[in-house]
Amino acid sequence: MDFSIVTDTAGANVSELGTALRDLLTDKVNQKYDKYDISIGIAIRCLPESYGRKSFVRYTKSDNYLTIDFCVSVEDYETKYKVEQKFELGKVFLLWLDKGLTNKTFKENNPDFDNESFKDYVVMLGEENGWFNDTINWELEFT
């Protein structure tokens, strides 16, 4: 497996938060799922609404590459505390991960890949490190 996360941001704390997710997830996910010849690339973008950037999922069969590219509004994120940005980014990340993993062509071409187990593993790693919680942990803002 080649699992990767990149960021493209124009502000807020999304670049730092995306880097934290990358550092938390990529090595562990790649090790656990190393027997699969699959690439999953996630692009996290935080850009001005005026750019009109659209989020998307794309699967390229020839490379067995699933691209999950999502964009959040810099105007929206700049009005939030960092802990709020982390909470919201985590929700959006999982929403788009779901959209990618349920891509019909990706599933058809990778029948032995357990999408649910993969997502559960990502969520478990995140929850162990303050991501993907049901509520905002305001204590994190003041530490």
Protein backbone atom coordinates (compact mmCIF):
# COMPACT_ATOMS: atom_id res chain seq x y z
CA MET A 1 0.00 0.00 0.00
CA ASP A 2 1.04 3.53 -0.67
CA PHE A 3 -1.08 5.78 1.55
CA SER A 4 -0.24 9.48 1.52
CA ILE A 5 -1.61 12.82 2.67
CA VAL A 6 -0.65 16.21 1.22
CA THR A 7 -1.89 19.71 1.97
CA ASP A 8 -2.43 22.88 -0.03
CA THR A 9 -3.53 25.72 2.19
CA ALA A 10 -3.85 29.47 2.11
CA GLY A 11 -4.19 29.97 5.84
CA ALA A 12 -5.68 28.86 9.12
CA ASN A 13 -4.01 25.87 10.84
CA VAL A 14 -4.97 23.29 8.22
CA SER A 15 -1.45 22.76 6.89
CA GLU A 16 -0.15 22.04 10.39
CA LEU A 17 -3.13 19.79 11.15
CA GLY A 18 -2.76 17.95 7.83
CA THR A 19 0.91 17.36 8.59
CA ALA A 20 -0.06 16.00 12.00
CA LEU A 21 -2.50 13.57 10.36
CA ARG A 22 0.12 12.53 7.82
CA ASP A 23 2.71 11.91 10.56
CA LEU A 24 0.16 9.97 12.60
CA LEU A 25 -1.29 7.78 9.86
CA THR A 26 0.94 7.18 6.85
CA ASP A 27 3.68 4.92 8.22
CA LYS A 28 1.32 2.83 10.35
CA VAL A 29 -1.26 2.42 7.58
CA ASN A 30 1.40 1.57 5.00
CA GLN A 31 2.93 -1.06 7.31
CA LYS A 32 -0.37 -2.69 8.27
CA TYR A 33 -1.65 -2.84 4.68
CA ASP A 34 1.67 -3.51 2.93
CA LYS A 35 0.40 -6.65 1.19
CA TYR A 36 -2.02 -4.60 -0.95
CA ASP A 37 -0.89 -3.11 -4.25
CA ILE A 38 -3.12 -0.07 -3.79
CA SER A 39 -2.34 3.64 -3.65
CA ILE A 40 -4.60 6.03 -1.75
CA GLY A 41 -3.66 9.69 -1.92
CA ILE A 42 -5.53 12.27 0.11
CA ALA A 43 -5.18 15.97 -0.64
CA ILE A 44 -6.40 18.38 2.02
CA ARG A 45 -6.95 21.88 0.72
CA CYS A 46 -7.93 25.00 2.65
CA LEU A 47 -8.44 27.72 0.08
CA PRO A 48 -10.45 30.90 -0.43
CA GLU A 49 -14.00 30.31 -1.59
CA SER A 50 -13.28 32.61 -4.54
CA TYR A 51 -11.05 29.89 -6.03
CA GLY A 52 -14.14 27.77 -6.62
CA ARG A 53 -12.14 24.62 -5.88
CA LYS A 54 -14.31 21.51 -5.97
CA SER A 55 -13.69 18.39 -3.92
CA PHE A 56 -13.62 15.06 -5.74
CA VAL A 57 -12.81 11.36 -5.67
CA ARG A 58 -11.09 9.75 -8.66
CA TYR A 59 -9.98 6.18 -9.18
CA THR A 60 -7.40 5.34 -11.83
CA LYS A 61 -7.63 1.64 -12.61
CA SER A 62 -4.33 1.42 -14.53
CA ASP A 63 -2.39 2.54 -11.43
CA ASN A 64 -4.88 1.20 -8.86
CA TYR A 65 -4.75 4.73 -7.42
CA LEU A 66 -7.57 6.28 -5.43
CA THR A 67 -7.39 10.07 -5.19
CA ILE A 68 -9.43 11.80 -2.50
CA ASP A 69 -9.11 15.55 -2.89
CA PHE A 70 -11.20 17.76 -0.64
CA CYS A 71 -11.29 21.46 0.03
CA VAL A 72 -12.46 23.45 3.04
CA SER A 73 -13.01 27.20 3.15
CA VAL A 74 -10.15 29.30 4.51
CA GLU A 75 -12.68 32.00 5.39
CA ASP A 76 -14.60 29.52 7.54
CA TYR A 77 -11.56 27.95 9.20
CA GLU A 78 -9.87 31.26 10.02
CA THR A 79 -12.80 32.14 12.29
CA LYS A 80 -12.27 29.01 14.40
CA TYR A 81 -9.89 28.16 17.20
CA LYS A 82 -7.28 25.55 16.29
CA VAL A 83 -9.07 22.86 18.32
CA GLU A 84 -12.30 23.63 16.40
CA GLN A 85 -10.41 23.40 13.11
CA LYS A 86 -9.04 19.99 14.14
CA PHE A 87 -12.51 18.76 15.09
CA GLU A 88 -14.08 19.97 11.82
CA LEU A 89 -11.19 18.79 9.67
CA GLY A 90 -11.42 15.35 11.26
CA LYS A 91 -15.12 15.10 10.41
CA VAL A 92 -14.54 16.23 6.81
CA PHE A 93 -11.54 13.88 6.47
CA LEU A 94 -13.63 10.86 7.47
CA LEU A 95 -16.53 11.93 5.25
CA TRP A 96 -14.26 12.06 2.20
CA LEU A 97 -12.41 8.88 3.18
CA ASP A 98 -15.82 7.16 3.18
CA LYS A 99 -16.66 8.63 -0.23
CA GLY A 100 -13.37 7.37 -1.62
CA LEU A 101 -13.54 3.89 -0.13
CA THR A 102 -17.08 3.41 -1.42
CA ASN A 103 -16.13 4.38 -4.98
CA LYS A 104 -17.74 1.65 -7.09
CA THR A 105 -14.80 1.11 -9.45
CA PHE A 106 -12.27 1.08 -6.59
CA LYS A 107 -14.32 -1.57 -4.77
CA GLU A 108 -14.80 -3.67 -7.93
CA ASN A 109 -11.05 -3.66 -8.64
CA ASN A 110 -10.02 -4.40 -5.04
CA PRO A 111 -12.49 -7.06 -3.85
CA ASP A 112 -10.09 -8.42 -1.20
CA PHE A 113 -9.53 -5.01 0.39
CA ASP A 114 -11.69 -4.59 3.50
CA ASN A 115 -12.76 -0.95 3.36
CA GLU A 116 -14.47 -1.08 6.76
CA SER A 117 -11.45 -2.56 8.51
CA PHE A 118 -9.22 0.05 6.85
CA LYS A 119 -11.44 2.93 7.96
CA ASP A 120 -11.77 1.45 11.46
CA TYR A 121 -7.98 1.30 11.72
CA VAL A 122 -7.61 4.93 10.62
CA VAL A 123 -10.28 6.00 13.13
CA MET A 124 -8.65 4.02 15.93
CA LEU A 125 -5.25 5.61 15.28
CA GLY A 126 -6.87 9.03 15.18
CA GLU A 127 -8.92 8.59 18.33
CA GLU A 128 -5.82 7.46 20.23
CA ASN A 129 -4.26 10.79 19.30
CA GLY A 130 -7.08 13.28 19.80
CA TRP A 131 -8.67 13.07 16.33
CA PHE A 132 -12.15 12.03 15.19
CA ASN A 133 -13.86 12.65 18.52
CA ASP A 134 -17.60 13.24 18.91
CA THR A 135 -17.06 16.51 20.78
CA ILE A 136 -14.45 19.23 20.89
CA ASN A 137 -11.88 18.79 23.64
CA TRP A 138 -11.44 22.41 24.69
CA GLU A 139 -8.62 21.46 27.07
CA LEU A 140 -6.42 21.01 24.02
CA GLU A 141 -6.80 24.70 23.17
CA PHE A 142 -5.23 25.74 26.44
CA THR A 143 -2.30 23.29 26.67
